[in-house]
Protein backbone atom coordinates (compact mmCIF):
# COMPACT_ATOMS: atom_id res chain seq x y z
CA MET A 1 136.13 101.92 102.85
CA ASN A 2 137.26 102.91 99.26
CA MET A 3 135.22 104.94 96.75
CA LEU A 4 134.27 101.89 94.36
CA THR A 5 132.68 100.14 97.76
CA THR A 6 131.04 103.34 98.25
CA ARG A 7 129.35 103.24 94.76
CA TYR A 8 128.34 99.81 95.33
CA ILE A 9 126.46 100.63 98.12
CA LEU A 10 124.86 103.40 96.73
CA LEU A 11 124.06 101.12 93.94
CA LEU A 12 122.22 98.77 96.28
CA ILE A 13 119.98 101.36 98.01
CA LEU A 14 118.84 102.41 94.64
CA PHE A 15 118.05 98.82 93.77
CA PHE A 16 116.01 98.70 97.19
CA ASN A 17 114.07 101.86 96.34
CA SER A 18 113.38 100.53 92.79
CA VAL A 19 111.87 97.13 94.32
CA THR A 20 109.90 99.32 96.53
CA ALA A 21 108.38 101.47 93.90
CA TYR A 22 107.45 98.17 92.14
CA ALA A 23 105.54 96.63 95.40
CA LEU A 24 103.18 99.61 95.86
CA ASN A 25 100.63 98.80 98.08
CA LEU A 26 96.82 100.11 96.96
CA SER A 27 94.26 99.47 99.27
CA ALA A 28 90.33 100.31 99.40
CA VAL A 29 87.95 100.64 102.40
CA VAL A 30 84.47 101.54 103.00
CA ASP A 31 82.99 103.20 106.17
CA ARG A 32 80.04 100.87 105.79
CA LYS A 33 78.84 97.57 104.36
CA ARG A 34 75.60 97.73 104.60
CA LEU A 35 73.13 100.64 103.75
CA SER A 36 69.43 101.48 102.38
CA ILE A 37 69.15 102.45 98.83
CA ASN A 38 68.46 105.95 99.65
CA GLU A 39 71.75 106.30 101.52
CA SER A 40 75.38 106.89 100.88
CA LEU A 41 78.62 105.51 101.69
CA ARG A 42 82.30 106.75 101.86
CA LEU A 43 84.73 104.90 99.61
CA ILE A 44 88.53 105.40 100.31
CA VAL A 45 91.09 104.28 98.14
CA THR A 46 95.11 104.46 99.37
CA ALA A 47 98.17 104.08 97.36
CA ASP A 48 101.34 104.40 99.92
CA THR A 49 103.31 106.73 97.60
CA ASN A 50 102.86 110.22 96.58
CA THR A 51 101.48 109.90 92.83
CA ASN A 52 100.26 112.37 90.17
CA GLN A 53 98.40 109.53 88.19
CA GLU A 54 94.76 109.25 88.31
CA ILE A 55 92.72 105.82 88.99
CA ASP A 56 89.98 105.23 86.65
CA PHE A 57 86.87 104.99 88.75
CA SER A 58 84.32 104.76 85.77
CA GLN A 59 83.67 100.80 86.65
CA LEU A 60 81.89 102.35 89.60
CA ASN A 61 79.13 103.73 87.26
CA ALA A 62 77.39 100.33 86.75
CA TYR A 63 76.03 100.06 90.19
CA PHE A 64 76.71 103.48 91.84
CA ASP A 65 76.30 107.13 91.18
CA ILE A 66 79.44 109.16 91.92
CA ILE A 67 78.38 112.33 94.23
CA ASN A 68 81.82 113.54 95.00
CA THR A 69 85.91 112.66 94.57
CA GLN A 70 88.29 114.38 96.44
CA ARG A 71 92.33 113.65 96.06
CA SER A 72 94.65 114.34 98.88
CA ILE A 73 98.36 113.99 99.41
CA ARG A 74 99.06 112.57 103.15
CA ARG A 75 102.06 112.71 105.01
CA SER A 76 102.91 111.18 108.38
CA ASN A 77 106.17 111.32 110.79
CA VAL A 78 106.86 108.11 112.86
CA ASN A 79 109.71 108.27 114.87
CA GLY A 80 111.35 110.41 112.56
CA GLN A 81 110.69 108.35 109.33
CA ILE A 82 108.39 110.35 107.24
CA THR A 83 105.98 108.45 105.15
CA THR A 84 104.04 109.66 102.16
CA SER A 85 100.55 108.32 100.76
CA THR A 86 98.05 109.55 98.34
CA GLN A 87 94.21 109.41 99.16
CA TRP A 88 91.18 109.18 97.09
CA VAL A 89 87.64 109.84 98.92
CA LEU A 90 84.39 109.01 96.74
CA ILE A 91 80.84 109.47 98.06
CA LEU A 92 78.60 106.95 96.38
CA THR A 93 75.06 106.30 96.34
CA PRO A 94 73.61 102.81 95.19
CA LYS A 95 71.32 102.40 92.03
CA GLU A 96 69.81 99.21 92.95
CA GLY A 97 69.30 97.20 95.87
CA GLY A 98 71.17 93.54 97.00
CA ARG A 99 74.80 92.44 97.12
CA LEU A 100 76.54 95.12 95.07
CA LEU A 101 80.34 94.84 94.02
CA ILE A 102 83.03 97.68 94.39
CA PRO A 103 85.61 96.38 91.63
CA SER A 104 89.48 96.31 91.99
CA PHE A 105 91.09 99.31 91.00
CA GLU A 106 94.70 99.50 89.32
CA LEU A 107 97.47 101.78 89.65
CA ASN A 108 101.24 100.84 88.54
CA GLY A 109 100.51 97.33 88.15
CA SER A 110 99.22 96.95 91.61
CA TYR A 111 95.76 96.18 92.52
CA SER A 112 93.08 96.88 95.50
CA GLN A 113 90.95 94.00 96.90
CA PRO A 114 87.53 94.10 95.53
CA LEU A 115 84.65 94.82 98.06
CA THR A 116 81.10 93.61 98.47
CA ILE A 117 78.35 95.66 100.03
CA THR A 118 74.54 94.90 100.87
CA VAL A 119 71.75 97.39 99.84
CA GLU A 120 68.65 96.78 101.46
CA GLN A 121 65.85 97.63 98.85
CA GLY A 122 62.99 98.58 101.11
CA ASN A 123 63.35 101.93 103.15
CA ASN A 124 64.20 101.63 107.01
CA ASN A 125 62.92 104.99 107.70
CA SER A 126 59.07 104.79 106.53
CA GLY A 127 58.01 105.72 109.55
CA ALA A 128 59.30 109.37 109.10
CA LYS A 129 56.93 112.12 108.11
CA SER A 130 57.29 114.05 104.94
CA ASN A 131 57.26 117.08 106.92
CA THR A 132 59.54 116.04 109.84
CA ASP A 133 62.99 117.91 109.53
CA VAL A 134 64.45 116.05 112.66
CA PHE A 135 63.89 112.47 114.10
CA LEU A 136 65.46 109.71 115.70
CA GLN A 137 65.39 106.04 114.80
CA ALA A 138 66.98 103.00 116.81
CA SER A 139 67.01 99.25 115.18
CA VAL A 140 68.93 96.32 115.91
CA ASN A 141 70.60 93.80 113.56
CA LYS A 142 68.79 90.71 115.26
CA LYS A 143 65.76 90.37 117.23
CA SER A 144 66.52 86.67 118.49
CA VAL A 145 70.24 86.18 119.70
CA TYR A 146 72.01 83.55 122.30
CA VAL A 147 73.22 84.53 125.77
CA GLN A 148 76.51 86.63 125.39
CA GLU A 149 76.27 87.04 121.70
CA GLN A 150 76.62 90.14 120.12
CA VAL A 151 73.60 92.15 119.05
CA LEU A 152 74.49 95.69 117.25
CA LEU A 153 71.98 98.55 118.23
CA ARG A 154 72.18 101.68 115.68
CA LEU A 155 70.89 105.10 116.85
CA ARG A 156 70.30 107.34 113.75
CA LEU A 157 69.54 111.26 114.03
CA TYR A 158 68.26 112.33 110.43
CA TYR A 159 68.18 116.06 110.40
CA ARG A 160 67.32 118.46 107.54
CA ILE A 161 68.37 121.60 109.63
CA GLY A 162 71.57 123.16 111.18
CA LEU A 163 72.73 121.74 114.49
CA SER A 164 75.24 122.58 116.75
CA SER A 165 75.21 120.11 119.63
CA TYR A 166 73.20 117.22 121.19
CA SER A 167 72.87 115.52 124.44
CA GLU A 168 71.65 112.06 124.77
CA ASP A 169 70.19 109.92 127.56
CA GLU A 170 72.62 107.11 129.05
CA LEU A 171 71.75 103.68 127.76
CA THR A 172 71.15 101.86 130.90
CA LEU A 173 70.47 97.83 130.23
CA GLY A 174 70.16 95.52 133.24
CA ASN A 175 73.08 92.75 133.19
CA VAL A 176 74.15 93.50 129.56
CA THR A 177 77.62 94.77 128.53
CA SER A 178 77.61 97.72 125.97
CA ALA A 179 80.13 99.61 124.14
CA VAL A 180 80.05 102.25 121.31
CA VAL A 181 81.92 100.71 118.60
CA SER A 182 81.31 103.13 115.83
CA GLU A 183 80.03 106.75 115.09
CA GLY A 184 79.74 108.36 111.67
CA ASN A 185 78.00 110.62 108.93
CA PHE A 186 76.29 110.14 105.65
CA GLU A 187 73.59 111.20 103.50
CA ALA A 188 70.18 109.70 102.84
CA GLN A 189 66.98 110.55 100.95
CA ILE A 190 63.68 110.00 102.35
CA ASN A 191 60.16 110.85 100.72
CA ASN A 192 62.23 112.62 97.83
CA LYS A 193 64.19 114.97 100.52
CA ASN A 194 67.64 115.04 101.35
CA TYR A 195 68.68 114.24 105.15
CA SER A 196 72.07 114.15 106.72
CA VAL A 197 72.41 111.52 109.39
CA PHE A 198 74.27 111.07 112.42
CA GLU A 199 75.13 107.32 113.48
CA LYS A 200 75.89 105.65 116.60
CA VAL A 201 76.34 101.94 116.88
CA TYR A 202 76.48 99.98 120.48
CA ALA A 203 77.48 96.48 120.69
CA LEU A 204 75.31 94.80 123.20
CA HIS A 205 76.27 91.33 124.99
CA PRO A 206 73.46 90.01 127.35
CA GLN A 207 74.52 88.19 130.17
CA SER A 208 71.52 86.15 130.84
CA SER A 209 68.59 84.48 128.82
CA GLY A 210 65.05 86.13 128.87
CA GLU A 211 63.64 89.12 127.00
CA LEU A 212 65.97 92.24 126.66
CA ILE A 213 63.87 95.15 126.48
CA ILE A 214 66.00 98.34 125.02
CA PRO A 215 64.46 101.50 126.19
CA GLU A 216 63.36 104.57 124.41
CA ASN A 217 66.39 106.93 123.86
CA ALA A 218 65.87 110.77 124.22
CA TRP A 219 68.29 113.27 122.79
CA ARG A 220 68.14 117.29 123.33
CA LEU A 221 69.32 118.80 120.12
CA GLU A 222 70.49 122.42 119.81
CA LYS A 223 69.89 124.59 116.71
CA ALA A 224 72.83 126.03 115.09
CA THR A 225 71.28 129.48 115.18
CA ARG A 226 68.65 131.18 117.52
CA SER A 227 65.41 132.70 116.01
CA LEU A 228 64.13 135.88 117.37
CA SER A 229 59.86 135.62 118.21
CA PHE A 230 58.19 138.98 119.18
CA GLY A 231 61.65 140.32 120.44
CA ARG A 232 62.48 137.35 122.39
CA LEU A 233 64.93 134.40 121.98
CA GLY A 234 63.10 131.40 120.49
CA ASN A 235 63.51 127.86 121.97
CA PRO A 236 66.81 126.68 120.59
CA TYR A 237 66.55 122.88 121.74
CA ILE A 238 64.80 120.19 120.05
CA TYR A 239 63.78 116.88 121.56
CA VAL A 240 63.36 113.91 119.98
CA LYS A 241 63.05 110.04 121.06
CA SER A 242 63.41 106.47 119.52
CA LYS A 243 61.06 103.90 119.83
CA PRO A 244 61.85 101.05 122.58
CA ILE A 245 62.94 97.65 120.96
CA ARG A 246 62.67 94.06 122.13
CA VAL A 247 65.24 91.35 121.81
CA ASP A 248 64.55 87.59 122.70
CA VAL A 249 67.99 86.25 123.98
CA LYS A 250 67.95 82.37 124.08
CA PRO A 251 69.97 80.26 126.68
CA ILE A 252 73.19 78.27 125.55
CA PRO A 253 71.61 75.13 123.53
CA SER A 254 71.58 71.74 124.87
CA GLN A 255 73.58 70.50 121.62
CA HIS A 256 76.67 72.35 122.97
CA GLN A 257 79.51 70.17 124.08
CA ALA A 258 82.38 72.37 123.99
CA GLU A 259 84.30 73.31 126.96
CA HIS A 260 83.90 77.31 126.33
CA TRP A 261 80.77 79.00 124.86
CA LEU A 262 81.82 81.13 122.11
CA PRO A 263 78.65 82.02 120.00
CA SER A 264 79.96 83.94 116.79
CA THR A 265 79.61 83.92 113.18
CA ALA A 266 83.46 83.04 112.82
CA VAL A 267 86.19 82.06 114.89
CA THR A 268 89.77 81.33 113.97
CA LEU A 269 92.79 79.86 115.57
CA ASP A 270 96.37 80.33 113.99
CA THR A 271 99.84 79.16 114.90
CA GLU A 272 102.78 81.46 114.89
CA TRP A 273 106.21 79.92 115.56
CA GLN A 274 109.49 82.33 116.22
CA GLN A 275 111.94 79.66 115.20
CA SER A 276 112.43 77.11 112.44
CA LEU A 277 110.75 73.67 113.42
CA THR A 278 113.25 71.86 111.58
CA GLN A 279 116.51 73.36 113.45
CA ALA A 280 115.55 73.09 117.18
CA SER A 281 118.08 72.07 119.87
CA VAL A 282 117.71 70.36 123.06
CA GLY A 283 117.21 72.73 126.17
CA GLU A 284 116.72 75.49 123.76
CA PRO A 285 113.36 77.30 123.84
CA LEU A 286 111.09 77.65 121.07
CA ASN A 287 108.32 80.61 121.19
CA LEU A 288 104.75 79.76 119.99
CA LYS A 289 101.89 81.82 119.75
CA LEU A 290 98.37 80.91 119.25
CA ILE A 291 96.24 83.69 118.03
CA LEU A 292 92.37 83.27 118.57
CA THR A 293 89.96 85.62 116.85
CA ALA A 294 86.33 85.83 116.84
CA ASN A 295 83.75 88.15 115.21
CA GLY A 296 81.44 89.74 117.60
CA LEU A 297 83.21 88.71 120.94
CA SER A 298 85.36 90.98 122.71
CA ALA A 299 89.07 89.75 123.80
CA SER A 300 87.66 89.40 127.58
CA GLN A 301 85.40 86.80 126.33
CA LEU A 302 88.02 84.66 124.70
CA PRO A 303 89.47 81.71 126.57
CA THR A 304 93.52 81.58 126.79
CA ILE A 305 94.49 78.25 125.03
CA THR A 306 96.74 75.93 127.45
CA ILE A 307 99.06 73.12 126.51
CA GLY A 308 100.42 70.65 129.01
CA ASP A 309 103.96 69.29 129.48
CA ASN A 310 104.69 65.66 127.93
CA ASP A 311 107.13 63.48 127.17
CA TYR A 312 109.13 65.28 124.58
CA PHE A 313 108.80 68.96 125.90
CA THR A 314 108.59 71.22 128.92
CA ILE A 315 106.04 73.85 128.20
CA TYR A 316 105.85 77.31 129.99
CA SER A 317 102.87 79.49 129.26
CA ASP A 318 103.28 83.59 129.51
CA LEU A 319 100.77 86.26 130.18
CA PRO A 320 98.21 86.52 127.13
CA GLU A 321 97.96 89.44 124.98
CA SER A 322 94.31 90.83 124.26
CA ASP A 323 93.18 93.45 121.35
CA ASN A 324 89.65 94.40 120.10
CA THR A 325 89.01 95.91 116.66
CA GLU A 326 85.90 97.94 116.57
CA SER A 327 84.09 99.24 113.55
CA ALA A 328 80.32 99.32 112.40
CA ALA A 329 80.08 95.71 112.04
CA GLY A 330 80.71 95.35 115.88
CA ILE A 331 83.59 94.01 117.80
CA MET A 332 86.38 91.59 116.69
CA GLY A 333 88.18 90.09 119.67
CA THR A 334 91.73 88.61 119.60
CA ARG A 335 93.65 86.68 122.50
CA THR A 336 97.11 85.65 121.95
CA SER A 337 98.37 82.72 124.00
CA ASN A 338 102.06 82.89 124.35
CA PHE A 339 104.21 79.64 125.10
CA ALA A 340 107.87 78.68 125.63
CA ILE A 341 108.71 75.12 124.22
CA ILE A 342 111.87 73.36 125.42
CA PRO A 343 112.66 69.77 123.84
CA LYS A 344 113.71 67.34 126.26
CA LYS A 345 115.47 64.91 123.91
CA ALA A 346 116.73 64.69 120.27
CA GLY A 347 115.02 63.25 117.42
CA LYS A 348 111.74 63.69 115.38
CA LEU A 349 109.29 64.81 117.79
CA SER A 350 105.49 65.34 117.61
CA PHE A 351 103.95 68.41 119.13
CA PRO A 352 100.30 67.76 120.36
CA SER A 353 97.18 68.94 118.39
CA VAL A 354 95.39 71.71 119.64
CA GLU A 355 91.50 71.82 119.51
CA LEU A 356 88.96 74.06 120.29
CA GLY A 357 84.96 74.23 120.06
CA TRP A 358 82.73 76.95 119.23
CA TRP A 359 79.24 77.77 118.50
CA ASN A 360 78.43 78.87 114.96
CA SER A 361 75.50 81.41 115.33
CA SER A 362 74.92 81.62 111.65
CA THR A 363 74.40 77.94 111.21
CA ASP A 364 73.21 77.49 114.58
CA LYS A 365 75.77 74.57 115.08
CA GLN A 366 78.57 73.41 116.88
CA GLU A 367 81.85 73.44 115.21
CA THR A 368 85.54 72.56 116.11
CA ILE A 369 88.89 74.04 114.98
CA LEU A 370 91.62 71.43 114.97
CA ILE A 371 95.21 72.32 114.77
CA PRO A 372 96.89 68.97 113.71
CA GLU A 373 100.17 67.57 115.28
CA GLN A 374 103.31 69.05 114.25
CA THR A 375 106.61 67.61 113.89
CA ILE A 376 109.58 69.19 115.29
CA ILE A 377 113.37 67.98 114.52
CA VAL A 378 115.53 68.48 117.71
CA SER A 379 119.49 67.79 117.52
CA ASN A 380 121.92 67.89 120.41
CA SER A 381 123.80 70.77 119.42
CA LYS A 382 123.65 73.68 116.92
CA LEU A 383 126.40 71.73 115.11
CA ASN A 384 124.39 68.60 114.75
CA LYS A 385 121.40 70.22 113.25
CA GLN A 386 123.15 70.66 110.13
CA HIS A 387 123.54 67.26 109.02
CA ALA A 388 122.43 64.75 111.91
CA LEU A 389 118.53 64.50 111.00
CA PRO A 390 116.57 64.86 108.32
CA THR A 391 114.46 67.77 107.02
CA LEU A 392 110.87 68.11 106.42
CA ALA A 393 108.61 69.70 103.83
CA GLU A 394 106.47 72.57 104.94
CA ASN A 395 103.18 70.48 104.42
CA GLU A 396 104.57 67.99 106.88
CA LEU A 397 104.98 70.88 109.56
CA GLY A 398 101.38 71.63 109.17
CA THR A 399 101.95 75.39 108.50
CA LYS A 400 99.34 77.19 106.43
CA PRO A 401 100.06 78.94 103.05
CA GLU A 402 99.90 82.48 103.03
CA HIS A 403 97.69 84.28 100.42
CA THR A 404 99.66 86.34 98.46
CA GLN A 405 99.17 88.72 95.21
CA THR A 406 99.80 87.00 91.96
CA LYS A 407 102.45 88.68 90.26
CA PRO A 408 104.24 87.69 87.06
CA LEU A 409 106.68 84.87 87.87
CA TRP A 410 109.22 85.81 85.38
CA LEU A 411 109.49 89.35 87.03
CA TRP A 412 110.27 88.24 90.19
CA GLN A 413 113.19 85.71 89.02
CA ALA A 414 114.70 88.43 87.05
CA THR A 415 114.48 90.61 90.23
CA THR A 416 116.09 88.35 92.30
CA ALA A 417 118.74 87.45 89.83
CA VAL A 418 119.92 91.11 89.90
CA PHE A 419 119.67 91.33 93.64
CA ALA A 420 121.76 88.24 94.03
CA PHE A 421 124.43 89.61 91.53
CA VAL A 422 124.57 93.15 93.22
CA CYS A 423 125.23 91.30 96.66
CA LEU A 424 127.87 89.11 95.46
CA ALA A 425 129.99 92.00 93.63
CA LEU A 426 129.24 94.25 96.65
CA LEU A 427 130.59 91.34 98.88
CA TYR A 428 133.58 90.66 96.54
CA PHE A 429 134.78 94.15 96.84
CA TYR A 430 133.92 94.45 100.44
CA ARG A 431 136.31 91.57 101.01
CA GLN A 432 138.93 92.91 98.84
CA ASN A 433 138.86 96.28 100.65
CA ARG A 434 139.03 94.59 104.15
CA LYS A 435 141.78 92.36 102.98
CA LYS A 436 143.67 95.21 102.26
CA ILE A 437 143.14 96.94 105.71
CA PHE A 438 143.79 93.78 107.30
CA ASN A 439 147.54 93.70 105.93
CA LYS A 440 148.04 97.01 106.61
CA THR A 441 147.04 96.61 110.16
CA THR A 442 148.94 93.46 110.35
CA SER A 443 152.26 94.69 109.22
CA ASN A 444 152.21 97.77 111.48
CA THR A 445 151.65 95.57 114.75
CA ASP A 446 150.88 92.26 116.15
CA ALA A 447 149.12 93.06 119.09
CA LYS A 448 145.47 92.17 119.65
CA PRO A 449 142.65 94.24 119.12
CA TYR A 450 141.82 96.64 122.02
CA PHE A 451 138.48 94.95 122.74
CA LEU A 452 140.10 91.86 123.38
CA SER A 453 142.49 91.60 126.61
CA GLN A 454 145.29 88.87 126.75
CA SER A 455 143.32 87.32 129.61
CA ASP A 456 139.97 87.06 127.54
CA SER A 457 141.52 85.16 124.62
CA LYS A 458 140.29 81.82 126.36
CA PRO A 459 137.58 81.52 128.81
CA THR A 460 138.17 80.59 132.06
CA ILE A 461 136.09 79.39 134.86
CA LYS A 462 137.03 81.87 137.16
CA HIS A 463 135.95 84.36 134.42
CA SER A 464 132.66 82.57 133.82
CA ILE A 465 131.82 82.57 137.70
CA LYS A 466 132.53 86.43 137.87
CA LEU A 467 130.05 86.93 134.95
CA MET A 468 127.49 84.68 136.90
CA GLN A 469 127.98 87.10 139.76
CA THR A 470 127.60 90.20 137.80
CA ALA A 471 124.51 89.07 136.06
CA CYS A 472 122.78 87.65 139.63
CA ALA A 473 123.75 91.51 141.17
CA ASP A 474 122.02 92.99 137.90
CA LYS A 475 119.26 90.19 138.06
CA ASN A 476 119.85 89.72 134.27
CA TRP A 477 118.80 85.78 134.19
CA HIS A 478 119.50 85.67 130.38
CA ARG A 479 122.84 86.89 130.79
CA PHE A 480 123.18 84.60 133.91
CA ARG A 481 122.15 81.56 132.02
CA SER A 482 124.82 82.13 129.59
CA ALA A 483 127.49 82.18 131.83
CA VAL A 484 126.27 78.96 133.15
CA ILE A 485 126.44 77.34 129.52
CA SER A 486 129.78 78.99 129.40
CA TRP A 487 131.23 77.60 132.57
CA GLY A 488 129.75 73.89 131.54
CA LYS A 489 131.57 73.97 128.46
CA ILE A 490 134.94 74.84 130.28
CA ILE A 491 134.25 72.21 133.12
CA LEU A 492 133.02 69.41 130.79
CA GLN A 493 135.59 70.37 128.07
CA ASP A 494 132.53 70.21 125.55
CA ASN A 495 132.01 73.23 123.27
CA GLU A 496 129.06 71.90 121.63
CA LEU A 497 127.08 72.02 124.87
CA GLN A 498 124.08 74.35 124.52
CA SER A 499 121.39 73.57 127.39
CA LEU A 500 121.32 73.35 131.20
CA GLN A 501 119.52 70.07 130.92
CA ALA A 502 123.36 68.65 129.65
CA ILE A 503 125.03 70.20 132.48
CA SER A 504 122.58 68.64 135.00
CA GLN A 505 123.04 65.13 133.33
CA HIS A 506 126.61 65.52 134.40
CA PHE A 507 125.98 67.08 137.95
CA PRO A 508 122.53 65.93 139.30
CA GLU A 509 123.05 68.20 142.53
CA LEU A 510 122.36 71.03 139.97
CA ASP A 511 119.32 69.59 138.39
CA LYS A 512 116.87 71.36 140.56
CA PRO A 513 118.43 75.14 140.60
CA LEU A 514 118.91 74.88 136.96
CA LYS A 515 115.21 73.97 136.36
CA GLN A 516 114.28 76.93 138.55
CA LEU A 517 116.49 79.35 136.51
CA ASP A 518 114.60 77.94 133.35
CA ASN A 519 111.23 78.80 135.27
CA GLN A 520 112.68 82.13 136.31
CA LEU A 521 113.20 82.97 132.25
CA TYR A 522 110.05 81.11 130.84
CA ALA A 523 107.47 80.22 133.19
CA ASN A 524 104.46 82.39 133.85
CA HIS A 525 105.06 82.73 137.71
CA ALA A 526 108.53 82.84 138.96
CA ASP A 527 109.64 80.20 141.90
CA ASP A 528 109.87 81.92 145.09
CA SER A 529 112.00 79.41 146.56
CA TRP A 530 115.07 79.94 143.84
CA ASN A 531 118.12 81.61 145.32
CA PRO A 532 120.59 82.10 142.61
CA THR A 533 123.51 82.92 145.05
CA ARG A 534 123.09 79.05 146.09
CA LEU A 535 123.53 78.19 142.64
CA VAL A 536 126.92 80.08 142.21
CA ALA A 537 128.07 78.87 145.55
CA ALA A 538 127.51 75.11 144.53
CA ILE A 539 129.24 75.98 141.14
CA LYS A 540 132.12 77.46 143.03
CA ILE A 541 132.39 73.99 145.05
CA LEU A 542 132.12 71.77 142.15
CA SER A 543 134.84 73.96 140.15
CA THR A 544 137.13 73.52 143.20
CA ASN A 545 136.61 69.71 143.48
CA ALA A 546 137.28 69.29 139.72
CA ALA A 547 140.32 71.53 140.02
CA LYS A 548 141.78 69.20 142.95
CA HIS A 549 140.89 66.27 141.26
CA LYS A 550 142.77 67.40 138.18
CA GLN A 551 145.62 68.05 140.31
CA GLN A 552 145.66 64.55 141.87
CA LYS A 553 145.38 63.24 138.68
CA GLN A 554 148.60 64.83 137.36
CA GLN A 555 150.45 64.20 140.60
CA LEU A 556 149.83 60.41 139.86
CA LEU A 557 150.81 60.48 136.49
CA GLU A 558 154.13 62.47 137.51
CA LEU A 559 154.58 59.44 140.18
CA TYR A 560 154.32 56.73 137.60
CA ASN A 561 156.52 58.49 135.08
CA THR A 562 159.24 58.75 137.75
CA HIS A 563 159.22 54.99 138.33
């Protein structure tokens, strides 16, 4: 590579750095989205770069008092890659009740998303005495829920003295699953006194209907310093208790007719294809993910979506993926169902729709999510995909538009034009430089490159079978499948062949073992009866017969030519 090419590569790197600098990401989060008017919240604004510039937070003064602001630079090292970010942490107290807006902030042309919080006008802590330095409060977000619906239990410790540690009673509830989803600290003012607050949030899911009684919870607190009383150590411990709470748990309503019981405030079902739906091939798998997400339900409560085979596709399901996101707002569960979709024929094929019913606990009604049929264009080979079949518009495929941040159109057009010019220039100089090196190499020797031996210049049946045996010994079924397809191209003299199904059409005796090979790769459970060595033996016999047939045909041609 000459000096000129190196300069253009450096120019390209600088260009990418400039694009990255322009595409600055600015985010804003709060530690609490619901609070009382006498409580505080923490606002964290993060820019994914090191900057000395400041953000204008003056818009907050309309609805909040800014108690404190801190700015810091954060560095992290992940797999040897160092990233730097700038973070602003603000402590805010609301000036009024209701739904208050935290506005969008701006930095270098990038904007954070606006946030909405709910401030309760009343004082949830009116039961606290004016002379109480420490007390424990328990509350729930709902006094009536359906069976298996989420109810949030909040335990809040209010204190005005120094504490060094605490211990609590274990939360014991019959036939109820519970999990701690959040722990945090904030400040509050009660009866004109300032309190520090430690909050612990539980997500509860009652498994049977009836009355749920959340018993009193007792905490033992230890003071930060021990006082002397008449020459002896005073009692360093304080005991506080919360009041019991009753929750009405309702059974599944009779109006519910869906297959699965999913009581939630919001449920989504998204599709994610790993390959293009307009460039599919017969026998080549397409990977599909169905991502189910529900507020207030854990991943273990979500069903695995199933899709059955049809006349157009063979469908294999893989193990699902589960994930839970926990916060002060509760649990948000996600279950991803994975599929391998193998087209059986060429053409403009319809992939079936997917339907899921769930119960909206906010509106108290059943709702249905419907992913409509999607059209997949399938060709017989990669060569035919380029011109044999029509293409489709994105909306015909049923894909959802992505929500993107609005940017000036002319700026992106100019950026794209500059990027295209740099790439074309780099490609031109790279090809010129490569041509010179190639001319020097070919003038010195006519030998093949060291990585391509004379015997490998043209694939052979013997070589393909050897690759099958090696892959079989290593249990590498993807390599084994590729070797079988390579053998099929040679034996059938069809360089466009791309699938096992095309081979079984010419050799019906291989249909079952070839389907078992696909099962081994894409099915959820492998077929224990499949024996790859038998498939290799059958391919050897077919290869020998084909060679004999070719030899007999050649002898007949020679016989007729001599007469």
